[in-house]
C-alpha atoms as a PDB file:
ATOM      1  CA  MET A   1       0.000   0.000   0.000  1.00  0.00           C
ATOM      2  CA  ARG A   2       1.335   3.463  -0.897  1.00  0.00           C
ATOM      3  CA  HIS A   3       1.880   5.832   2.001  1.00  0.00           C
ATOM      4  CA  PRO A   4       2.942   9.453   2.506  1.00  0.00           C
ATOM      5  CA  ALA A   5       6.649  10.206   2.498  1.00  0.00           C
ATOM      6  CA  VAL A   6       8.202  10.798   5.903  1.00  0.00           C
ATOM      7  CA  ASP A   7       9.949  14.114   6.464  1.00  0.00           C
ATOM      8  CA  ILE A   8      13.424  13.275   7.805  1.00  0.00           C
ATOM      9  CA  VAL A   9      16.024  15.681   9.169  1.00  0.00           C
ATOM     10  CA  VAL A  10      19.632  14.486   9.336  1.00  0.00           C
ATOM     11  CA  ALA A  11      21.030  16.104  12.471  1.00  0.00           C
ATOM     12  CA  ARG A  12      24.649  14.979  12.331  1.00  0.00           C
ATOM     13  CA  THR A  13      26.890  14.432   9.300  1.00  0.00           C
ATOM     14  CA  THR A  14      30.052  12.790  10.540  1.00  0.00           C
ATOM     15  CA  ARG A  15      32.387  11.315   7.946  1.00  0.00           C
ATOM     16  CA  PRO A  16      33.238   7.686   8.833  1.00  0.00           C
ATOM     17  CA  SER A  17      36.699   7.419  10.349  1.00  0.00           C
ATOM     18  CA  ARG A  18      39.258   4.767   9.518  1.00  0.00           C
ATOM     19  CA  VAL A  19      39.475   2.163  12.248  1.00  0.00           C
ATOM     20  CA  GLY A  20      42.409  -0.011  11.138  1.00  0.00           C
ATOM     21  CA  ARG A  21      42.562  -3.783  10.951  1.00  0.00           C
ATOM     22  CA  CYS A  22      40.759  -6.283  13.140  1.00  0.00           C
ATOM     23  CA  ARG A  23      43.049  -8.174  15.537  1.00  0.00           C
ATOM     24  CA  PHE A  24      41.033 -11.380  15.265  1.00  0.00           C
ATOM     25  CA  HIS A  25      40.065 -13.948  12.677  1.00  0.00           C
ATOM     26  CA  PHE A  26      36.372 -14.873  12.670  1.00  0.00           C
ATOM     27  CA  PRO A  27      35.400 -18.391  11.620  1.00  0.00           C
ATOM     28  CA  ASP A  28      33.346 -18.867   8.487  1.00  0.00           C
ATOM     29  CA  PRO A  29      29.735 -18.109   9.548  1.00  0.00           C
ATOM     30  CA  ARG A  30      28.664 -21.232   7.664  1.00  0.00           C
ATOM     31  CA  LEU A  31      30.315 -23.187  10.490  1.00  0.00           C
ATOM     32  CA  ALA A  32      27.953 -21.753  13.108  1.00  0.00           C
ATOM     33  CA  ASP A  33      26.194 -24.218  15.370  1.00  0.00           C
ATOM     34  CA  ALA A  34      22.471 -24.955  15.192  1.00  0.00           C
ATOM     35  CA  ASP A  35      21.654 -21.838  17.210  1.00  0.00           C
ATOM     36  CA  GLY A  36      23.807 -19.616  15.002  1.00  0.00           C
ATOM     37  CA  LEU A  37      26.724 -19.221  17.424  1.00  0.00           C
ATOM     38  CA  VAL A  38      29.933 -18.610  15.482  1.00  0.00           C
ATOM     39  CA  ALA A  39      32.543 -17.718  18.089  1.00  0.00           C
ATOM     40  CA  MET A  40      33.280 -16.558  21.626  1.00  0.00           C
ATOM     41  CA  GLY A  41      35.840 -14.038  22.817  1.00  0.00           C
ATOM     42  CA  GLY A  42      37.615 -11.179  21.132  1.00  0.00           C
ATOM     43  CA  ASP A  43      36.623  -7.605  21.940  1.00  0.00           C
ATOM     44  CA  LEU A  44      34.130  -4.917  21.008  1.00  0.00           C
ATOM     45  CA  GLU A  45      36.568  -2.512  19.396  1.00  0.00           C
ATOM     46  CA  PRO A  46      35.325  -0.703  16.266  1.00  0.00           C
ATOM     47  CA  ALA A  47      37.552  -2.720  13.912  1.00  0.00           C
ATOM     48  CA  THR A  48      36.276  -5.974  15.412  1.00  0.00           C
ATOM     49  CA  LEU A  49      32.619  -4.998  15.128  1.00  0.00           C
ATOM     50  CA  LEU A  50      32.951  -3.782  11.541  1.00  0.00           C
ATOM     51  CA  ALA A  51      34.865  -6.888  10.536  1.00  0.00           C
ATOM     52  CA  ALA A  52      32.118  -9.055  12.049  1.00  0.00           C
ATOM     53  CA  TYR A  53      29.335  -7.273  10.172  1.00  0.00           C
ATOM     54  CA  ARG A  54      31.300  -7.590   6.938  1.00  0.00           C
ATOM     55  CA  GLN A  55      31.203 -11.367   7.424  1.00  0.00           C
ATOM     56  CA  GLY A  56      27.526 -11.546   8.341  1.00  0.00           C
ATOM     57  CA  ILE A  57      28.234 -11.873  12.069  1.00  0.00           C
ATOM     58  CA  PHE A  58      27.020  -9.729  14.964  1.00  0.00           C
ATOM     59  CA  PRO A  59      27.481  -9.680  18.755  1.00  0.00           C
ATOM     60  CA  TRP A  60      24.594 -10.758  20.919  1.00  0.00           C
ATOM     61  CA  PRO A  61      25.237 -11.104  24.664  1.00  0.00           C
ATOM     62  CA  VAL A  62      23.495 -13.920  26.469  1.00  0.00           C
ATOM     63  CA  GLU A  63      23.205 -14.017  30.255  1.00  0.00           C
ATOM     64  CA  GLY A  64      25.644 -11.135  30.585  1.00  0.00           C
ATOM     65  CA  ILE A  65      28.331 -12.633  28.333  1.00  0.00           C
ATOM     66  CA  ASP A  66      29.178  -9.812  25.907  1.00  0.00           C
ATOM     67  CA  LEU A  67      31.573 -11.583  23.585  1.00  0.00           C
ATOM     68  CA  LEU A  68      29.335 -14.048  21.759  1.00  0.00           C
ATOM     69  CA  TRP A  69      29.170 -13.787  17.964  1.00  0.00           C
ATOM     70  CA  TRP A  70      26.233 -15.014  15.876  1.00  0.00           C
ATOM     71  CA  SER A  71      25.133 -15.665  12.316  1.00  0.00           C
ATOM     72  CA  PRO A  72      21.624 -17.145  12.513  1.00  0.00           C
ATOM     73  CA  ASP A  73      19.983 -19.308   9.884  1.00  0.00           C
ATOM     74  CA  PRO A  74      17.440 -18.221   8.743  1.00  0.00           C
ATOM     75  CA  ARG A  75      18.061 -14.473   8.622  1.00  0.00           C
ATOM     76  CA  ALA A  76      15.529 -11.647   8.455  1.00  0.00           C
ATOM     77  CA  VAL A  77      15.983  -8.758   6.017  1.00  0.00           C
ATOM     78  CA  LEU A  78      13.810  -5.777   5.215  1.00  0.00           C
ATOM     79  CA  PRO A  79      13.584  -4.821   1.527  1.00  0.00           C
ATOM     80  CA  PRO A  80      13.931  -1.007   1.336  1.00  0.00           C
ATOM     81  CA  ASP A  81      11.264  -0.936  -1.382  1.00  0.00           C
ATOM     82  CA  GLY A  82       9.049  -3.652   0.092  1.00  0.00           C
ATOM     83  CA  MET A  83       7.460  -2.071   3.162  1.00  0.00           C
ATOM     84  CA  HIS A  84       3.999  -3.183   4.223  1.00  0.00           C
ATOM     85  CA  VAL A  85       1.959  -0.298   5.647  1.00  0.00           C
ATOM     86  CA  SER A  86      -1.446  -0.989   7.171  1.00  0.00           C
ATOM     87  CA  ARG A  87      -4.331   1.392   6.650  1.00  0.00           C
ATOM     88  CA  SER A  88      -4.171   2.537  10.257  1.00  0.00           C
ATOM     89  CA  LEU A  89      -0.429   3.184  10.043  1.00  0.00           C
ATOM     90  CA  ALA A  90      -0.912   5.075   6.761  1.00  0.00           C
ATOM     91  CA  ARG A  91      -3.454   7.295   8.545  1.00  0.00           C
ATOM     92  CA  THR A  92      -0.913   7.901  11.299  1.00  0.00           C
ATOM     93  CA  LEU A  93       1.651   9.000   8.713  1.00  0.00           C
ATOM     94  CA  ARG A  94      -0.838  11.323   7.032  1.00  0.00           C
ATOM     95  CA  ARG A  95      -1.611  13.039  10.339  1.00  0.00           C
ATOM     96  CA  ARG A  96       2.124  13.857  10.592  1.00  0.00           C
ATOM     97  CA  GLY A  97       2.001  13.780  14.366  1.00  0.00           C
ATOM     98  CA  PHE A  98       5.577  12.494  14.528  1.00  0.00           C
ATOM     99  CA  ARG A  99       8.851  14.247  13.707  1.00  0.00           C
ATOM    100  CA  VAL A 100      11.714  12.056  12.431  1.00  0.00           C
ATOM    101  CA  THR A 101      15.436  12.709  12.706  1.00  0.00           C
ATOM    102  CA  ILE A 102      18.637  10.786  12.043  1.00  0.00           C
ATOM    103  CA  ASP A 103      21.535  10.898  14.509  1.00  0.00           C
ATOM    104  CA  ALA A 104      19.958  13.533  16.740  1.00  0.00           C
ATOM    105  CA  ALA A 105      19.906  11.407  19.923  1.00  0.00           C
ATOM    106  CA  PHE A 106      21.894   8.212  19.407  1.00  0.00           C
ATOM    107  CA  ASP A 107      22.666   7.531  23.080  1.00  0.00           C
ATOM    108  CA  GLU A 108      19.060   8.167  24.063  1.00  0.00           C
ATOM    109  CA  VAL A 109      17.807   5.725  21.430  1.00  0.00           C
ATOM    110  CA  VAL A 110      20.161   2.997  22.640  1.00  0.00           C
ATOM    111  CA  ALA A 111      19.050   3.676  26.215  1.00  0.00           C
ATOM    112  CA  GLY A 112      15.416   3.419  25.098  1.00  0.00           C
ATOM    113  CA  CYS A 113      16.115   0.082  23.416  1.00  0.00           C
ATOM    114  CA  ALA A 114      17.792  -1.172  26.592  1.00  0.00           C
ATOM    115  CA  ASP A 115      14.951  -0.050  28.862  1.00  0.00           C
ATOM    116  CA  ARG A 116      12.697  -3.088  29.176  1.00  0.00           C
ATOM    117  CA  GLU A 117      10.056  -3.697  31.790  1.00  0.00           C
ATOM    118  CA  ASP A 118      11.354  -7.212  32.396  1.00  0.00           C
ATOM    119  CA  ASN A 119      14.972  -5.949  32.740  1.00  0.00           C
ATOM    120  CA  GLU A 120      16.066  -8.722  30.378  1.00  0.00           C
ATOM    121  CA  THR A 121      17.915  -6.596  27.850  1.00  0.00           C
ATOM    122  CA  TRP A 122      20.883  -7.875  25.855  1.00  0.00           C
ATOM    123  CA  ILE A 123      22.181  -4.295  25.554  1.00  0.00           C
ATOM    124  CA  THR A 124      24.786  -4.450  28.311  1.00  0.00           C
ATOM    125  CA  PRO A 125      26.879  -1.448  29.415  1.00  0.00           C
ATOM    126  CA  ALA A 126      29.770  -2.780  27.310  1.00  0.00           C
ATOM    127  CA  ILE A 127      27.533  -3.008  24.223  1.00  0.00           C
ATOM    128  CA  ARG A 128      26.231   0.516  24.807  1.00  0.00           C
ATOM    129  CA  ASP A 129      29.745   1.880  25.076  1.00  0.00           C
ATOM    130  CA  ALA A 130      30.907  -0.011  21.978  1.00  0.00           C
ATOM    131  CA  TYR A 131      28.120   1.297  19.735  1.00  0.00           C
ATOM    132  CA  ALA A 132      28.435   4.815  21.134  1.00  0.00           C
ATOM    133  CA  HIS A 133      32.084   4.648  20.052  1.00  0.00           C
ATOM    134  CA  LEU A 134      31.057   3.471  16.580  1.00  0.00           C
ATOM    135  CA  HIS A 135      28.594   6.341  16.408  1.00  0.00           C
ATOM    136  CA  ARG A 136      31.240   8.907  17.284  1.00  0.00           C
ATOM    137  CA  LEU A 137      33.369   7.443  14.504  1.00  0.00           C
ATOM    138  CA  GLY A 138      30.517   7.816  12.012  1.00  0.00           C
ATOM    139  CA  TRP A 139      29.625   4.129  11.504  1.00  0.00           C
ATOM    140  CA  ALA A 140      26.582   3.668  13.763  1.00  0.00           C
ATOM    141  CA  HIS A 141      23.390   5.657  13.283  1.00  0.00           C
ATOM    142  CA  SER A 142      20.030   6.177  14.917  1.00  0.00           C
ATOM    143  CA  VAL A 143      16.566   7.053  13.674  1.00  0.00           C
ATOM    144  CA  GLU A 144      14.551   9.052  16.181  1.00  0.00           C
ATOM    145  CA  VAL A 145      10.790   9.545  16.236  1.00  0.00           C
ATOM    146  CA  TRP A 146       9.538  12.496  18.278  1.00  0.00           C
ATOM    147  CA  ALA A 147       6.053  13.368  19.557  1.00  0.00           C
ATOM    148  CA  ASP A 148       5.300  16.646  21.311  1.00  0.00           C
ATOM    149  CA  GLY A 149       9.021  17.310  21.659  1.00  0.00           C
ATOM    150  CA  ALA A 150       9.768  14.020  23.444  1.00  0.00           C
ATOM    151  CA  LEU A 151      11.489  10.914  22.123  1.00  0.00           C
ATOM    152  CA  ALA A 152       8.662   8.532  21.266  1.00  0.00           C
ATOM    153  CA  GLY A 153      10.644   5.715  19.668  1.00  0.00           C
ATOM    154  CA  GLY A 154      13.523   4.851  17.406  1.00  0.00           C
ATOM    155  CA  LEU A 155      16.088   2.366  16.219  1.00  0.00           C
ATOM    156  CA  TYR A 156      19.837   2.128  15.734  1.00  0.00           C
ATOM    157  CA  GLY A 157      22.288   0.122  13.682  1.00  0.00           C
ATOM    158  CA  VAL A 158      25.509   0.064  11.692  1.00  0.00           C
ATOM    159  CA  SER A 159      26.015   1.248   8.118  1.00  0.00           C
ATOM    160  CA  ILE A 160      28.704  -0.303   5.895  1.00  0.00           C
ATOM    161  CA  GLY A 161      28.490   0.404   2.173  1.00  0.00           C
ATOM    162  CA  ALA A 162      25.002  -0.547   0.984  1.00  0.00           C
ATOM    163  CA  LEU A 163      24.319  -2.526   4.185  1.00  0.00           C
ATOM    164  CA  PHE A 164      22.422  -1.216   7.173  1.00  0.00           C
ATOM    165  CA  ALA A 165      22.544  -3.698  10.053  1.00  0.00           C
ATOM    166  CA  ALA A 166      19.696  -2.761  12.382  1.00  0.00           C
ATOM    167  CA  GLU A 167      20.325  -3.692  15.998  1.00  0.00           C
ATOM    168  CA  SER A 168      17.278  -2.781  18.062  1.00  0.00           C
ATOM    169  CA  MET A 169      14.189  -0.588  18.217  1.00  0.00           C
ATOM    170  CA  PHE A 170      11.792   0.687  20.857  1.00  0.00           C
ATOM    171  CA  HIS A 171       8.652   2.742  21.274  1.00  0.00           C
ATOM    172  CA  ARG A 172       7.027   4.759  24.028  1.00  0.00           C
ATOM    173  CA  VAL A 173       4.134   5.904  21.852  1.00  0.00           C
ATOM    174  CA  SER A 174       2.029   3.577  19.725  1.00  0.00           C
ATOM    175  CA  ASP A 175       3.361   3.135  16.173  1.00  0.00           C
ATOM    176  CA  ALA A 176       6.562   5.114  16.859  1.00  0.00           C
ATOM    177  CA  SER A 177       8.887   2.163  16.208  1.00  0.00           C
ATOM    178  CA  LYS A 178       6.986   1.347  13.009  1.00  0.00           C
ATOM    179  CA  VAL A 179       7.435   4.919  11.828  1.00  0.00           C
ATOM    180  CA  ALA A 180      11.158   4.580  12.570  1.00  0.00           C
ATOM    181  CA  VAL A 181      11.375   1.465  10.368  1.00  0.00           C
ATOM    182  CA  ILE A 182       9.439   3.149   7.562  1.00  0.00           C
ATOM    183  CA  ALA A 183      11.729   6.181   7.786  1.00  0.00           C
ATOM    184  CA  LEU A 184      14.798   3.939   7.692  1.00  0.00           C
ATOM    185  CA  ALA A 185      13.548   2.170   4.573  1.00  0.00           C
ATOM    186  CA  GLN A 186      12.732   5.481   2.881  1.00  0.00           C
ATOM    187  CA  HIS A 187      16.161   6.904   3.726  1.00  0.00           C
ATOM    188  CA  ALA A 188      17.835   3.681   2.586  1.00  0.00           C
ATOM    189  CA  ARG A 189      16.178   3.938  -0.819  1.00  0.00           C
ATOM    190  CA  ALA A 190      17.230   7.567  -1.115  1.00  0.00           C
ATOM    191  CA  VAL A 191      20.927   6.981  -0.409  1.00  0.00           C
ATOM    192  CA  GLY A 192      21.360   3.604  -2.103  1.00  0.00           C
ATOM    193  CA  VAL A 193      21.297   1.132   0.801  1.00  0.00           C
ATOM    194  CA  GLU A 194      20.265  -2.221  -0.689  1.00  0.00           C
ATOM    195  CA  LEU A 195      20.313  -4.560   2.301  1.00  0.00           C
ATOM    196  CA  ILE A 196      18.672  -3.874   5.653  1.00  0.00           C
ATOM    197  CA  ASP A 197      19.539  -6.685   8.042  1.00  0.00           C
ATOM    198  CA  VAL A 198      17.082  -7.115  10.928  1.00  0.00           C
ATOM    199  CA  GLN A 199      18.741 -10.325  12.145  1.00  0.00           C
ATOM    200  CA  MET A 200      15.979 -12.490  13.597  1.00  0.00           C
ATOM    201  CA  PRO A 201      12.481 -12.925  12.126  1.00  0.00           C
ATOM    202  CA  THR A 202       9.625 -11.740  14.349  1.00  0.00           C
ATOM    203  CA  PRO A 203       5.890 -11.283  13.709  1.00  0.00           C
ATOM    204  CA  HIS A 204       6.301  -7.528  14.250  1.00  0.00           C
ATOM    205  CA  LEU A 205       8.961  -7.242  11.552  1.00  0.00           C
ATOM    206  CA  ALA A 206       7.080  -9.575   9.223  1.00  0.00           C
ATOM    207  CA  SER A 207       4.033  -7.307   9.483  1.00  0.00           C
ATOM    208  CA  LEU A 208       6.201  -4.487   8.113  1.00  0.00           C
ATOM    209  CA  GLY A 209       7.457  -6.522   5.171  1.00  0.00           C
ATOM    210  CA  ALA A 210      10.540  -8.297   6.518  1.00  0.00           C
ATOM    211  CA  LEU A 211      11.528 -11.438   4.622  1.00  0.00           C
ATOM    212  CA  THR A 212      13.116 -14.600   5.961  1.00  0.00           C
ATOM    213  CA  ILE A 213      16.013 -15.943   3.900  1.00  0.00           C
ATOM    214  CA  SER A 214      18.683 -18.558   4.462  1.00  0.00           C
ATOM    215  CA  ARG A 215      22.092 -17.674   5.832  1.00  0.00           C
ATOM    216  CA  GLU A 216      23.632 -18.558   2.470  1.00  0.00           C
ATOM    217  CA  GLN A 217      21.267 -16.200   0.648  1.00  0.00           C
ATOM    218  CA  TYR A 218      22.106 -13.478   3.141  1.00  0.00           C
ATOM    219  CA  LEU A 219      25.837 -13.913   2.654  1.00  0.00           C
ATOM    220  CA  GLN A 220      25.387 -13.803  -1.114  1.00  0.00           C
ATOM    221  CA  ARG A 221      23.557 -10.474  -0.803  1.00  0.00           C
ATOM    222  CA  LEU A 222      26.003  -9.155   1.763  1.00  0.00           C
ATOM    223  CA  ALA A 223      29.160  -9.435  -0.339  1.00  0.00           C
ATOM    224  CA  PRO A 224      28.151  -6.968  -3.079  1.00  0.00           C
ATOM    225  CA  ALA A 225      26.403  -4.668  -0.589  1.00  0.00           C
ATOM    226  CA  ILE A 226      29.477  -3.997   1.545  1.00  0.00           C
ATOM    227  CA  SER A 227      31.640  -3.442  -1.545  1.00  0.00           C
ATOM    228  CA  ARG A 228      29.549  -0.472  -2.673  1.00  0.00           C
ATOM    229  CA  ARG A 229      30.247   3.101  -1.673  1.00  0.00           C
ATOM    230  CA  VAL A 230      27.145   4.567  -0.088  1.00  0.00           C
ATOM    231  CA  ASP A 231      26.917   7.916   1.647  1.00  0.00           C
ATOM    232  CA  PHE A 232      24.439   7.181   4.455  1.00  0.00           C
ATOM    233  CA  ILE A 233      24.188  10.628   6.049  1.00  0.00           C
ATOM    234  CA  GLY A 234      25.648  13.148   3.623  1.00  0.00           C
ATOM    235  CA  GLY A 235      29.335  12.945   4.428  1.00  0.00           C
ATOM    236  CA  ARG A 236      31.925  11.194   2.303  1.00  0.00           C
ATOM    237  CA  ALA A 237      31.467   7.506   1.482  1.00  0.00           C
ATOM    238  CA  GLU A 238      33.070   4.967   3.805  1.00  0.00           C
ATOM    239  CA  PHE A 239      36.107   2.849   3.092  1.00  0.00           C
ATOM    240  CA  PRO A 240      34.916  -0.564   1.851  1.00  0.00           C
ATOM    241  CA  GLY A 241      38.379  -2.097   1.631  1.00  0.00           C
ATOM    242  CA  GLU A 242      39.551  -1.620   5.197  1.00  0.00           C
ATOM    243  CA  ALA A 243      39.204  -3.687   8.356  1.00  0.00           C
ATOM    244  CA  VAL A 244      39.757  -7.010   6.607  1.00  0.00           C
ATOM    245  CA  VAL A 245      39.580  -9.819   9.119  1.00  0.00           C
ATOM    246  CA  SER A 246      43.010 -11.298   9.587  1.00  0.00           C
ATOM    247  CA  PRO A 247      44.920 -12.978  12.390  1.00  0.00           C
ATOM    248  CA  VAL A 248      47.544 -11.011  14.263  1.00  0.00           C
ATOM    249  CA  GLU A 249      50.462 -12.942  15.622  1.00  0.00           C
END
């Protein structure tokens, strides 16, 4: 269903900084176990995180263990041009009761994603610090949705070439997280992002148009995506050839 365009204001245009080479060698994600676990250990330095994403791997702490690395099969992706918008959500967009920004409140968005009523968040203090560092370096970005001047919802993730790896979302006002996803997809189309990774399939994401594909299909899409130069926020394109995973003696 067609829906009104979302007005988006990019608040911060930081050129991605070089981060050097990763100190670790990640296993082939095809060797992950049945749950998708690829490896344990390493660190959460920017070069390590970017190298992981370039191989289709992401960190996901379990029971307080930060350094667990995953590549699930199947994988959920959101086609930038394949959003599903319900009639009620389309009406919400037409009312324009939300204001949308990019990179206006990254830390606040991550804090919102970590704030769960059951206190069972995977966003540990170490994860928050690691992604805040990536944001300062120009690699991690947030989409904020505002209502009456307050942060109503949002999402954050990592941009590498034509890949946007979404990490988490939240809402404090009904439909705010859905508006954030719609805004992300619209912005992705505008700048040339081809692959939006949303990691694990959920009914909520499926209702917005997310597709479930195999790990192998994901890796096949990932390779050309990260090789492209895409300017996500208006600064210079990132450096697709750096941070190659390699062992350091």
